[in-house]
Amino acid sequence: MNDEYYKYGDEINVDLYSAEKSLKRFNYQIAFALAVLSLLAIGTAVLLIGRRETIRKLEFLAWRDATTELKNRAWMSANRDVMLDRARLAGKQLRLFLIDLDHFKSVNDTFGHHIGDLLLKAVAEILQSVERPDEVVAIRLGGDEFAVMAIGDRHAAADALGDRLREQLNRFAELAGHHVRMGASIGMACFPEHGSDISTLLRNADSALYVAKAEGRSGFVTFSPAILNQFDMQFGEEAGIKRALNCDEFFLVWQPQFELATGRMIGAEALVRWRDPASGAIRLPMSFIPIAERSDLILEVDKVVLSKACLQAARWAPVSADDFVCSVNLSGKSLQKDAYFAHLVLVLRQTGLPPSRLQLEITEGVLIQNSRNALNMPTEIRNMGVGLALDDFGSGYSSFGYLADFNLDRLKIDRSFLSGLEASKKKQNVVRGIIALANSLGLTVLAEGVENEAQLDFLIAERCHSAQGFFLSQPIEENRLTNHLAARRGRMKDTDKFRLGLSA
């Protein structure tokens, strides 16, 4: 019985051992399966999370501007009608602001694109500060152009947000150690007053923005029907200027310039006029030059004036003194175009006019509004022997830094300082200071707008180099100036304050 018992027990032990091994193998299989499942689950989770993150990044790139993180033009295209419908259903007003930075290219040229990007981010921070979920959205349209769409109550002040933006966007900012002026022009159009669809609102807001920039920049203009009338008038004027260019309707008159120490006529400034072929009326520059300057037509006007002036100056060379110089005004747009410099070289060669007999006049505003990098032409002009004058000095900027940076020949005191000069001690001190400044820099100084004897006496006493104005001579046509030069060979009599009478 014992043998049977142990034999049976051994068989049971073998079976138990075999069962235990099978159970362990099964446990390992389950553990492995669970491990595989866990890894699959973790991998799936990681893939899902990574995919979600990828989708989020793709959505950001699709709807957001990478530099400023504002919503981009694509977002506006996809959501602008949604904003409009929301305002319409709520019975509210949708205000569309278009914002364009002033002289942003100058910032990039002067300080580099890194500072330009910092300026864009600073602007974005201001725009983000006015955002409100589902009500006010800021968008970067591209470059230096931005937009703000705002849903608000129709009875609220429509221009309050625009005034706030104008105030905050027109100031100085510290960017990586640089003191940079932040400036912007803003145009606004509202639904439903100025349009029932986004395309119309965009067009009208853009028109308002154009007016804001034309009025001197850094402004805020709300659209009105009068703006469209203004555009119609401007388009008509532009068509007229094009016709005048094609039909040679522009001509020159000349404002004589006198050396105050001797009374000699030392030059004349070319002033453009426009003769209407139908009525024969003469139009002054203030009536058409601003319109030409707001378009590229000023480039052609400048070329025509330069050609006519150099041709006439060459004709005067045999009958005028060796230092008789003709002055021609140069716009900021032409100053930045290589084509103008090429035209200058060609005209001097064709007319045979010595470069020393020509002087180009640029304004302070041109130097301020354009970066130093964009103003290489003054140096090239000066190197070829043509003179340079800084016109309207003191009229608004008076940046002494530019006097040191550019090789100028003459400062022209703005006529605003001559008006009422005899009765204003402050103006007398300013003019006295400008004369002293010019002398210290080795520049000649010319006073514009002399209208009476008291002003002339003051300038002579202060040893101002030269002057022009109606008291000395009104602008005259070239044949009368030719006769004067031929008769006097550039010499003026000392009597009667060397005025050039209208009958001369």
Protein backbone atom coordinates (compact mmCIF):
# COMPACT_ATOMS: atom_id res chain seq x y z
CA MET A 1 0.00 0.00 0.00
CA ASN A 2 2.86 2.34 0.80
CA ASP A 3 4.46 1.65 -2.58
CA GLU A 4 1.21 2.45 -4.29
CA TYR A 5 0.78 5.57 -2.16
CA TYR A 6 4.21 6.96 -2.96
CA LYS A 7 3.89 6.02 -6.59
CA TYR A 8 0.56 7.81 -6.73
CA GLY A 9 1.98 10.77 -4.81
CA ASP A 10 4.89 11.07 -7.20
CA GLU A 11 2.47 11.16 -10.09
CA ILE A 12 0.48 13.88 -8.34
CA ASN A 13 3.67 15.87 -7.68
CA VAL A 14 4.66 15.56 -11.32
CA ASP A 15 1.22 16.76 -12.38
CA LEU A 16 1.34 19.62 -9.89
CA TYR A 17 4.80 20.63 -11.03
CA SER A 18 3.69 20.49 -14.64
CA ALA A 19 0.61 22.54 -13.80
CA GLU A 20 2.71 25.09 -11.92
CA LYS A 21 5.06 25.47 -14.87
CA SER A 22 2.10 25.89 -17.22
CA LEU A 23 0.61 28.49 -14.88
CA LYS A 24 3.87 30.42 -14.70
CA ARG A 25 4.18 30.29 -18.48
CA PHE A 26 0.62 31.57 -18.76
CA ASN A 27 1.32 34.36 -16.28
CA TYR A 28 4.36 35.39 -18.30
CA GLN A 29 2.25 35.38 -21.44
CA ILE A 30 -0.39 37.51 -19.75
CA ALA A 31 2.27 39.88 -18.41
CA PHE A 32 3.88 40.14 -21.81
CA ALA A 33 0.52 40.71 -23.43
CA LEU A 34 -0.30 43.36 -20.86
CA ALA A 35 3.09 44.98 -21.40
CA VAL A 36 2.55 44.99 -25.16
CA LEU A 37 -0.94 46.40 -24.68
CA SER A 38 0.43 49.04 -22.31
CA LEU A 39 3.11 50.02 -24.78
CA LEU A 40 0.53 50.18 -27.54
CA ALA A 41 -1.72 52.28 -25.34
CA ILE A 42 1.11 54.62 -24.39
CA GLY A 43 2.26 54.86 -28.00
CA THR A 44 -1.26 55.54 -29.12
CA ALA A 45 -1.62 58.24 -26.47
CA VAL A 46 1.70 59.78 -27.46
CA LEU A 47 0.69 59.71 -31.10
CA LEU A 48 -2.66 61.29 -30.27
CA ILE A 49 -1.04 63.96 -28.12
CA GLY A 50 1.63 64.60 -30.76
CA ARG A 51 -1.01 64.74 -33.47
CA ARG A 52 -3.09 67.13 -31.38
CA GLU A 53 0.00 69.30 -30.81
CA THR A 54 0.83 69.17 -34.50
CA ILE A 55 -2.72 70.14 -35.38
CA ARG A 56 -2.57 72.97 -32.86
CA LYS A 57 0.69 74.24 -34.37
CA LEU A 58 -0.69 73.95 -37.88
CA GLU A 59 -3.81 75.85 -36.84
CA PHE A 60 -1.62 78.55 -35.27
CA LEU A 61 0.46 78.88 -38.42
CA ALA A 62 -2.70 78.96 -40.52
CA TRP A 63 -4.56 81.60 -38.49
CA ARG A 64 -1.82 83.56 -36.70
CA ASP A 65 1.01 85.83 -37.77
CA ALA A 66 4.36 84.29 -36.81
CA THR A 67 6.06 87.59 -35.85
CA THR A 68 3.35 89.29 -33.80
CA GLU A 69 1.08 86.30 -32.97
CA LEU A 70 -1.91 88.41 -33.98
CA LYS A 71 -4.59 86.87 -36.17
CA ASN A 72 -3.58 87.05 -39.82
CA ARG A 73 -5.15 87.91 -43.14
CA ALA A 74 -6.32 84.31 -43.68
CA TRP A 75 -8.24 84.43 -40.38
CA MET A 76 -9.85 87.69 -41.41
CA SER A 77 -10.88 86.27 -44.79
CA ALA A 78 -12.48 83.27 -43.09
CA ASN A 79 -14.15 85.12 -40.19
CA ARG A 80 -14.92 88.66 -41.30
CA ASP A 81 -18.44 87.82 -42.46
CA VAL A 82 -19.06 86.02 -39.16
CA MET A 83 -18.20 89.22 -37.29
CA LEU A 84 -20.50 91.21 -39.56
CA ASP A 85 -23.41 88.76 -39.11
CA ARG A 86 -22.90 88.83 -35.35
CA ALA A 87 -23.15 92.62 -35.34
CA ARG A 88 -26.18 92.58 -37.64
CA LEU A 89 -28.09 90.01 -35.55
CA ALA A 90 -27.31 91.92 -32.34
CA GLY A 91 -28.35 95.22 -33.88
CA LYS A 92 -24.91 96.65 -33.19
CA GLN A 93 -22.25 98.53 -35.13
CA LEU A 94 -19.17 96.93 -36.67
CA ARG A 95 -16.21 99.29 -36.84
CA LEU A 96 -13.38 98.42 -39.17
CA PHE A 97 -10.08 100.21 -38.53
CA LEU A 98 -7.22 100.01 -41.04
CA ILE A 99 -3.84 100.95 -39.57
CA ASP A 100 -0.67 101.70 -41.52
CA LEU A 101 2.65 102.43 -39.81
CA ASP A 102 4.34 105.67 -40.84
CA HIS A 103 7.90 105.44 -42.23
CA PHE A 104 8.32 101.78 -41.21
CA LYS A 105 10.72 101.25 -44.10
CA SER A 106 12.94 103.98 -42.65
CA VAL A 107 13.12 102.10 -39.35
CA ASN A 108 14.22 98.93 -41.13
CA ASP A 109 16.78 100.82 -43.24
CA THR A 110 18.17 102.80 -40.33
CA PHE A 111 18.20 100.29 -37.46
CA GLY A 112 17.87 96.92 -39.21
CA HIS A 113 15.09 94.38 -39.61
CA HIS A 114 15.56 93.08 -36.06
CA ILE A 115 14.47 96.46 -34.66
CA GLY A 116 11.71 96.55 -37.26
CA ASP A 117 10.37 93.24 -35.94
CA LEU A 118 10.54 94.56 -32.37
CA LEU A 119 8.53 97.59 -33.48
CA LEU A 120 5.90 95.32 -35.03
CA LYS A 121 5.68 93.38 -31.77
CA ALA A 122 5.31 96.62 -29.79
CA VAL A 123 2.44 97.63 -32.07
CA ALA A 124 0.89 94.19 -31.65
CA GLU A 125 0.97 94.53 -27.85
CA ILE A 126 -0.98 97.77 -28.10
CA LEU A 127 -3.55 96.21 -30.39
CA GLN A 128 -3.84 93.12 -28.18
CA SER A 129 -4.59 95.40 -25.22
CA VAL A 130 -7.87 96.49 -26.84
CA GLU A 131 -9.00 92.98 -27.84
CA ARG A 132 -12.12 91.49 -26.22
CA PRO A 133 -13.39 87.96 -26.89
CA ASP A 134 -16.00 87.90 -29.67
CA GLU A 135 -16.13 91.72 -29.76
CA VAL A 136 -12.76 93.29 -30.65
CA VAL A 137 -10.19 91.48 -32.79
CA ALA A 138 -6.76 92.69 -33.91
CA ILE A 139 -5.26 91.44 -37.18
CA ARG A 140 -1.95 91.83 -38.96
CA LEU A 141 -2.72 92.04 -42.65
CA GLY A 142 0.95 91.90 -43.67
CA GLY A 143 4.00 94.14 -43.75
CA ASP A 144 3.25 97.24 -41.70
CA GLU A 145 -0.53 97.02 -42.16
CA PHE A 146 -2.96 96.08 -39.39
CA ALA A 147 -6.71 95.98 -38.85
CA VAL A 148 -9.05 96.05 -35.88
CA MET A 149 -12.65 94.81 -36.09
CA ALA A 150 -14.84 95.94 -33.20
CA ILE A 151 -18.49 95.21 -32.44
CA GLY A 152 -20.07 97.90 -30.31
CA ASP A 153 -23.19 99.78 -29.40
CA ARG A 154 -24.41 102.13 -32.13
CA HIS A 155 -24.96 104.92 -29.63
CA ALA A 156 -21.40 104.76 -28.27
CA ALA A 157 -18.80 107.23 -29.50
CA ALA A 158 -17.63 105.67 -32.75
CA ASP A 159 -14.25 107.36 -32.71
CA ALA A 160 -13.31 106.66 -29.07
CA LEU A 161 -11.36 103.51 -29.91
CA GLY A 162 -9.73 105.20 -32.90
CA ASP A 163 -8.57 108.12 -30.77
CA ARG A 164 -7.20 105.71 -28.19
CA LEU A 165 -5.28 103.77 -30.84
CA ARG A 166 -3.93 106.95 -32.41
CA GLU A 167 -2.68 108.17 -29.05
CA GLN A 168 -0.99 104.90 -28.12
CA LEU A 169 0.49 104.24 -31.56
CA ASN A 170 2.10 107.66 -31.94
CA ARG A 171 4.87 107.79 -29.39
CA PHE A 172 8.48 106.77 -28.89
CA ALA A 173 9.49 103.23 -27.90
CA GLU A 174 12.71 101.84 -26.46
CA LEU A 175 13.71 98.89 -28.65
CA ALA A 176 16.96 97.10 -27.85
CA GLY A 177 18.59 100.32 -26.75
CA HIS A 178 17.24 102.42 -29.64
CA HIS A 179 14.83 105.32 -29.17
CA VAL A 180 12.45 104.70 -32.08
CA ARG A 181 9.41 106.75 -32.97
CA MET A 182 6.27 104.65 -33.34
CA GLY A 183 3.76 106.28 -35.67
CA ALA A 184 0.59 105.18 -37.42
CA SER A 185 -2.20 106.53 -39.61
CA ILE A 186 -5.73 105.15 -39.11
CA GLY A 187 -8.82 105.06 -41.30
CA MET A 188 -12.21 103.79 -40.14
CA ALA A 189 -15.51 102.74 -41.73
CA CYS A 190 -18.62 101.51 -39.88
CA PHE A 191 -21.44 99.07 -40.57
CA PRO A 192 -24.18 99.92 -41.40
CA GLU A 193 -23.44 103.64 -41.97
CA HIS A 194 -20.61 103.23 -44.49
CA GLY A 195 -21.42 99.88 -46.07
CA SER A 196 -23.50 96.73 -45.71
CA ASP A 197 -20.73 94.26 -46.61
CA ILE A 198 -17.09 93.83 -45.67
CA SER A 199 -15.72 94.59 -49.13
CA THR A 200 -17.37 98.02 -49.10
CA LEU A 201 -16.20 98.68 -45.54
CA LEU A 202 -12.63 97.75 -46.47
CA ARG A 203 -12.69 100.02 -49.50
CA ASN A 204 -14.09 102.96 -47.53
CA ALA A 205 -11.76 102.45 -44.58
CA ASP A 206 -8.84 102.38 -47.02
CA SER A 207 -10.03 105.67 -48.52
CA ALA A 208 -10.15 107.21 -45.03
CA LEU A 209 -6.65 105.86 -44.34
CA TYR A 210 -5.37 107.44 -47.55
CA VAL A 211 -6.72 110.82 -46.45
CA ALA A 212 -5.13 110.40 -42.99
CA LYS A 213 -1.73 109.83 -44.59
CA ALA A 214 -2.19 112.66 -47.08
CA GLU A 215 -3.02 115.10 -44.29
CA GLY A 216 0.37 114.62 -42.71
CA ARG A 217 0.27 111.09 -41.28
CA SER A 218 -0.22 110.06 -37.64
CA GLY A 219 -3.88 110.97 -37.99
CA PHE A 220 -7.24 109.27 -37.58
CA VAL A 221 -9.95 109.80 -40.21
CA THR A 222 -13.49 108.43 -40.29
CA PHE A 223 -14.94 107.77 -43.72
CA SER A 224 -17.49 110.18 -45.14
CA PRO A 225 -19.08 110.59 -48.59
CA ALA A 226 -17.05 113.80 -48.98
CA ILE A 227 -13.92 111.65 -49.16
CA LEU A 228 -15.22 110.01 -52.34
CA ASN A 229 -15.83 113.44 -53.84
CA GLN A 230 -12.30 114.35 -52.90
CA PHE A 231 -11.00 111.25 -54.67
CA ASP A 232 -13.04 112.08 -57.77
CA MET A 233 -11.49 115.55 -57.81
CA GLN A 234 -8.03 114.12 -57.30
CA PHE A 235 -8.41 111.61 -60.12
CA GLY A 236 -9.56 114.48 -62.35
CA GLU A 237 -6.54 116.53 -61.33
CA GLU A 238 -4.18 113.63 -61.96
CA ALA A 239 -5.64 113.23 -65.45
CA GLY A 240 -5.09 116.95 -66.02
CA ILE A 241 -1.46 116.75 -64.86
CA LYS A 242 -0.85 113.83 -67.22
CA ARG A 243 -2.27 115.86 -70.08
CA ALA A 244 -0.15 118.86 -69.11
CA LEU A 245 2.97 116.69 -69.17
CA ASN A 246 2.11 115.27 -72.57
CA CYS A 247 1.15 118.65 -74.05
CA ASP A 248 3.98 120.70 -72.53
CA GLU A 249 1.65 122.97 -70.55
CA PHE A 250 4.13 123.57 -67.70
CA PHE A 251 6.48 126.55 -67.83
CA LEU A 252 8.89 128.31 -65.48
CA VAL A 253 9.09 131.72 -63.87
CA TRP A 254 12.14 132.86 -61.95
CA GLN A 255 12.53 134.40 -58.48
CA PRO A 256 15.76 136.49 -58.47
CA GLN A 257 18.15 136.09 -55.54
CA PHE A 258 20.44 138.89 -54.35
CA GLU A 259 23.69 139.06 -52.41
CA LEU A 260 23.00 141.52 -49.61
CA ALA A 261 26.56 142.79 -49.15
CA THR A 262 26.90 143.94 -52.78
CA GLY A 263 23.39 144.05 -54.21
CA ARG A 264 24.36 141.71 -57.07
CA MET A 265 21.88 139.26 -58.47
CA ILE A 266 23.63 135.96 -57.79
CA GLY A 267 20.96 133.54 -58.95
CA ALA A 268 17.31 132.74 -59.47
CA GLU A 269 14.95 130.01 -58.30
CA ALA A 270 12.90 128.15 -60.91
CA LEU A 271 9.19 128.08 -60.04
CA VAL A 272 6.83 125.91 -62.07
CA ARG A 273 3.52 127.21 -63.40
CA TRP A 274 0.68 125.52 -65.31
CA ARG A 275 -1.13 127.37 -68.09
CA ASP A 276 -4.63 126.04 -68.74
CA PRO A 277 -4.93 125.75 -72.55
CA ALA A 278 -8.69 126.31 -72.53
CA SER A 279 -9.01 129.37 -70.30
CA GLY A 280 -5.43 130.61 -70.38
CA ALA A 281 -5.45 130.83 -66.56
CA ILE A 282 -2.13 130.35 -64.75
CA ARG A 283 -2.15 127.84 -61.91
CA LEU A 284 0.31 128.14 -59.04
CA PRO A 285 2.22 125.10 -57.66
CA MET A 286 0.17 124.90 -54.46
CA SER A 287 -2.86 123.94 -56.56
CA PHE A 288 -1.33 120.91 -58.27
CA ILE A 289 2.05 119.93 -56.72
CA PRO A 290 0.49 118.30 -53.60
CA ILE A 291 -1.65 116.11 -55.87
CA ALA A 292 1.36 115.24 -58.01
CA GLU A 293 3.34 114.39 -54.87
CA ARG A 294 0.68 111.93 -53.71
CA SER A 295 1.22 109.99 -56.92
CA ASP A 296 4.21 109.13 -59.07
CA LEU A 297 3.42 112.08 -61.35
CA ILE A 298 5.78 114.24 -59.32
CA LEU A 299 8.66 112.18 -60.72
CA GLU A 300 7.82 113.35 -64.24
CA VAL A 301 7.10 116.92 -63.14
CA ASP A 302 10.53 117.09 -61.47
CA LYS A 303 12.22 115.87 -64.65
CA VAL A 304 10.40 118.43 -66.81
CA VAL A 305 11.28 121.28 -64.44
CA LEU A 306 14.93 120.20 -64.31
CA SER A 307 15.17 119.97 -68.10
CA LYS A 308 13.62 123.39 -68.68
CA ALA A 309 15.68 125.02 -65.91
CA CYS A 310 19.02 123.63 -67.10
CA LEU A 311 18.30 124.60 -70.70
CA GLN A 312 17.51 128.18 -69.67
CA ALA A 313 20.46 128.37 -67.27
CA ALA A 314 22.77 127.33 -70.11
CA ARG A 315 21.36 130.15 -72.27
CA TRP A 316 22.03 132.65 -69.47
CA ALA A 317 25.62 131.53 -68.93
CA PRO A 318 27.16 133.91 -71.53
CA VAL A 319 25.37 137.00 -70.14
CA SER A 320 25.54 136.28 -66.40
CA ALA A 321 28.28 136.39 -63.80
CA ASP A 322 30.38 133.29 -63.25
CA ASP A 323 28.77 132.68 -59.85
CA PHE A 324 25.17 133.05 -61.12
CA VAL A 325 23.36 129.90 -59.98
CA CYS A 326 19.91 128.56 -60.91
CA SER A 327 18.04 126.74 -58.13
CA VAL A 328 15.57 123.90 -58.76
CA ASN A 329 13.32 122.23 -56.19
CA LEU A 330 13.58 118.46 -55.79
CA SER A 331 10.86 116.30 -54.25
CA GLY A 332 11.48 113.51 -51.76
CA LYS A 333 10.25 110.86 -54.17
CA SER A 334 12.67 111.90 -56.91
CA LEU A 335 15.50 112.05 -54.39
CA GLN A 336 15.12 108.31 -53.83
CA LYS A 337 14.99 107.33 -57.50
CA ASP A 338 18.12 106.47 -59.43
CA ALA A 339 16.25 107.52 -62.57
CA TYR A 340 16.35 111.17 -61.46
CA PHE A 341 20.11 111.11 -60.99
CA ALA A 342 20.52 109.52 -64.41
CA HIS A 343 18.27 112.23 -65.87
CA LEU A 344 20.34 114.93 -64.14
CA VAL A 345 23.56 113.60 -65.67
CA LEU A 346 21.93 113.39 -69.12
CA VAL A 347 20.48 116.92 -68.99
CA LEU A 348 23.78 118.48 -67.90
CA ARG A 349 25.56 116.73 -70.75
CA GLN A 350 22.92 117.68 -73.34
CA THR A 351 22.68 121.35 -72.32
CA GLY A 352 26.37 121.83 -71.58
CA LEU A 353 25.48 123.58 -68.30
CA PRO A 354 28.42 123.55 -65.85
CA PRO A 355 27.29 121.68 -62.69
CA SER A 356 28.47 124.61 -60.56
CA ARG A 357 25.71 126.77 -62.07
CA LEU A 358 22.96 124.47 -60.77
CA GLN A 359 21.70 124.08 -57.22
CA LEU A 360 19.04 121.58 -56.11
CA GLU A 361 16.83 122.45 -53.16
CA ILE A 362 15.54 119.77 -50.79
CA THR A 363 13.39 120.28 -47.71
CA GLU A 364 13.97 119.25 -44.12
CA GLY A 365 10.95 116.99 -44.28
CA VAL A 366 12.61 114.92 -47.01
CA LEU A 367 15.63 114.28 -44.78
CA ILE A 368 13.52 113.43 -41.74
CA GLN A 369 11.04 111.16 -43.52
CA ASN A 370 13.68 109.13 -45.35
CA SER A 371 16.44 107.13 -43.75
CA ARG A 372 20.09 107.96 -44.18
CA ASN A 373 20.56 104.73 -46.10
CA ALA A 374 17.95 105.85 -48.62
CA LEU A 375 19.57 109.26 -49.11
CA ASN A 376 22.81 108.44 -50.89
CA MET A 377 21.88 110.63 -53.85
CA PRO A 378 22.70 113.98 -52.14
CA THR A 379 26.31 112.86 -51.79
CA GLU A 380 26.44 111.75 -55.42
CA ILE A 381 24.89 115.04 -56.55
CA ARG A 382 27.37 117.05 -54.51
CA ASN A 383 30.31 114.99 -55.78
CA MET A 384 29.49 115.85 -59.40
CA GLY A 385 29.68 119.58 -58.59
CA VAL A 386 25.98 120.44 -58.32
CA GLY A 387 25.12 122.55 -55.27
CA LEU A 388 22.67 121.53 -52.53
CA ALA A 389 20.44 123.83 -50.51
CA LEU A 390 18.29 122.92 -47.51
CA ASP A 391 14.97 124.67 -48.14
CA ASP A 392 12.45 125.92 -45.54
CA PHE A 393 14.95 125.57 -42.70
CA GLY A 394 13.21 125.89 -39.33
CA SER A 395 9.74 125.17 -40.71
CA GLY A 396 9.13 122.10 -38.59
CA TYR A 397 12.07 119.80 -37.82
CA SER A 398 15.40 121.69 -37.73
CA SER A 399 17.44 118.54 -37.13
CA PHE A 400 21.02 119.81 -36.73
CA GLY A 401 22.30 116.25 -37.17
CA TYR A 402 21.46 116.36 -40.86
CA LEU A 403 23.49 119.55 -41.30
CA ALA A 404 26.56 117.59 -40.24
CA ASP A 405 25.69 114.43 -42.17
CA PHE A 406 25.12 116.02 -45.59
CA ASN A 407 27.52 118.19 -47.55
CA LEU A 408 25.25 121.20 -48.07
CA ASP A 409 26.05 124.60 -49.61
CA ARG A 410 23.17 126.76 -48.41
CA LEU A 411 20.47 127.11 -45.77
CA LYS A 412 17.25 128.86 -46.76
CA ILE A 413 15.44 130.47 -43.82
CA ASP A 414 11.74 129.67 -44.04
CA ARG A 415 9.52 132.62 -44.94
CA SER A 416 7.46 132.08 -41.77
CA PHE A 417 10.31 133.67 -39.77
CA LEU A 418 10.30 136.75 -42.00
CA SER A 419 6.59 137.39 -41.58
CA GLY A 420 6.30 139.98 -38.80
CA LEU A 421 10.06 139.87 -38.22
CA GLU A 422 10.37 143.60 -37.61
CA ALA A 423 7.96 143.45 -34.64
CA SER A 424 9.00 140.14 -33.07
CA LYS A 425 12.13 139.93 -30.92
CA LYS A 426 11.79 136.14 -30.75
CA LYS A 427 11.79 135.80 -34.53
CA GLN A 428 14.73 138.17 -34.76
CA ASN A 429 16.66 136.00 -32.30
CA VAL A 430 15.79 132.85 -34.23
CA VAL A 431 16.90 134.33 -37.54
CA ARG A 432 20.05 135.69 -35.89
CA GLY A 433 20.77 132.20 -34.52
CA ILE A 434 20.24 130.51 -37.90
CA ILE A 435 22.63 132.95 -39.56
CA ALA A 436 25.26 132.28 -36.88
CA LEU A 437 24.76 128.52 -37.23
CA ALA A 438 25.16 128.65 -41.01
CA ASN A 439 28.30 130.76 -40.71
CA SER A 440 29.82 128.34 -38.19
CA LEU A 441 29.23 125.45 -40.60
CA GLY A 442 30.64 127.30 -43.59
CA LEU A 443 27.24 127.54 -45.30
CA THR A 444 25.74 130.52 -47.04
CA VAL A 445 22.30 131.49 -45.78
CA LEU A 446 19.43 132.89 -47.86
CA ALA A 447 16.26 134.43 -46.40
CA GLU A 448 13.01 133.73 -48.25
CA GLY A 449 9.93 135.93 -48.33
CA VAL A 450 11.40 139.43 -47.83
CA GLU A 451 8.36 141.69 -48.12
CA ASN A 452 9.38 145.07 -46.73
CA GLU A 453 12.32 147.37 -46.16
CA ALA A 454 12.48 146.75 -42.39
CA GLN A 455 13.03 143.03 -42.94
CA LEU A 456 15.73 143.74 -45.51
CA ASP A 457 17.50 146.22 -43.21
CA PHE A 458 17.55 143.65 -40.40
CA LEU A 459 19.05 140.98 -42.65
CA ILE A 460 21.72 143.37 -43.93
CA ALA A 461 22.60 144.41 -40.37
CA GLU A 462 22.91 140.75 -39.32
CA ARG A 463 25.11 140.02 -42.37
CA CYS A 464 22.75 137.51 -43.92
CA HIS A 465 24.40 136.42 -47.15
CA SER A 466 21.47 136.66 -49.57
CA ALA A 467 17.71 137.05 -49.90
CA GLN A 468 14.71 136.76 -52.20
CA GLY A 469 11.13 137.96 -51.96
CA PHE A 470 8.48 140.24 -53.43
CA PHE A 471 10.13 143.38 -52.00
CA LEU A 472 13.20 142.65 -54.12
CA SER A 473 11.41 141.15 -57.11
CA GLN A 474 8.33 139.15 -57.87
CA PRO A 475 8.82 135.99 -59.94
CA ILE A 476 9.38 137.04 -63.56
CA GLU A 477 9.41 135.23 -66.86
CA GLU A 478 12.67 134.20 -68.47
CA ASN A 479 12.69 136.83 -71.24
CA ARG A 480 12.56 139.70 -68.72
CA LEU A 481 15.32 138.16 -66.64
CA THR A 482 17.34 137.61 -69.82
CA ASN A 483 17.00 141.29 -70.71
CA HIS A 484 18.08 142.31 -67.21
CA LEU A 485 21.16 140.08 -67.24
CA ALA A 486 22.16 141.24 -70.69
CA ALA A 487 21.79 144.91 -69.73
CA ARG A 488 23.61 144.78 -66.42
CA ARG A 489 25.82 141.73 -66.83
CA GLY A 490 24.85 140.62 -63.30
CA ARG A 491 25.64 144.00 -61.61
CA MET A 492 23.01 145.77 -59.51
CA LYS A 493 23.00 149.46 -58.58
CA ASP A 494 23.21 150.40 -54.91
CA THR A 495 20.27 152.75 -55.12
CA ASP A 496 16.76 151.85 -54.03
CA LYS A 497 17.92 148.84 -52.03
CA PHE A 498 18.82 147.09 -55.34
CA ARG A 499 15.25 146.09 -55.98
CA LEU A 500 14.48 144.67 -59.39
CA GLY A 501 11.46 146.74 -60.40
CA LEU A 502 8.64 145.21 -62.33
CA SER A 503 9.50 147.44 -65.25
CA ALA A 504 13.14 146.40 -65.34
